[in-house]
Amino acid sequence: MKKVLIFGAAGNIGLELIKYLLSEGKYEITAVDLKNRKSFKALKKYRRRLNIIYGDMNDHILIDNLVNNHEYIYLLAGVIPPLGDLKKSLLKEMEYNGIKNILRGVKAYNPTCKLIYLSTTSLYGLQDKVTVKTKPQYTEFDYYIKNKLDCEALIKKEAKNYVIYRIPAVLGNFINDYPIYNVKANTKFEVITNADCAYGLVKTIDNYDKVNKHIYNMTGGKDCVLSLKQYQHLLLSLNGLTCRYLFTKLFVPKNFYSTTVEDSDELEKILHFRSETIESYRIRVKRSKHYYHRRIYRLLAIPFLPNIDKEV
């Protein structure tokens, strides 16, 4: 069985990745995340089916022992906005230095292992119809973007085998999402569902030789394009109103960009990972227990729903 190591396993994409890997039945999985109530609850149900380790990417002894025994390493851990754009030092400590420590361990003990890193399409700024060759655009206060670019550069410099995926806004667990996008209300941008993103990460293993040492935009394609108003409407209509939504809407700086990409089909031709659209995602959520339990919050959200009737 192929040995797979996942950093950031308790996150939105990490949990979906675990489900897909387990369904394949051909991987020995080690899941790593910081220990807190959220991560413990999320990973608890998998404790008999995979190895769960709570720890820090900056722990030299832990990392040396982990990277030595795994063929594939997923780097999904990080600090997302708005916290990522408010605490520059936290970004460097938790993600950049953590990846640096992992690369040190890989170089010393397992140089042939294969790395898979998730970056962001937010680094293109407000540019429209971009490709991976488009020059990044950001301000001095976009700490999150600058950190992602630094991590990309570090991986390209130090790793023998790597693939970097730049992903847009992810349709997943809206309870943990923030309305922080710095685009106009009617601006169209691409998203991806957490299920499609996770499946693409799984398919990467079987197609690693084709994607090795490349950067790709991993998005949902033409069926996953919507405006900011439509995105916010989707968020509120499925999840309802939350304190997090109100707080970030009113007080948190909007530093996260999203756009459409012209080369998103290149990765699809290799991995064939897309199966969901915005509408199929909506149906999936409505069938979940989560949707049933949020009905009161959805009623509270009605006054805040953007008007999307006039959109083409």
Foldseek 3Di string as FASTA:
>chain_A
DAEEEEEPLLDQLNLLLVVVVVVVVPYAYEYEEADDPSSCVSCVVCVVPHHYDHDALLPLVVLLVVLLPHQEYEQPDADDPPVQLVDLPCRCVRRVNSLVSNLVSCVVRPQNHAYEYEAAPQQQPPDAAAFPPRDGDADPSLSRSVSSVSNVVVCLVRHPWYEYEHFYAEAGPLVPDELQAPDDQFAKFFHYYSNLVSLLVVLCVVQVVVRISYYGYATQPPLGMGGSLVVVLLSCQQQADDPRHVCRVPPGHRGGYGYYYNCNCVSCVRRVRHDDGPVNSSVVSCPDPNRVVRVVRSVVCVVVRDDCPPPD
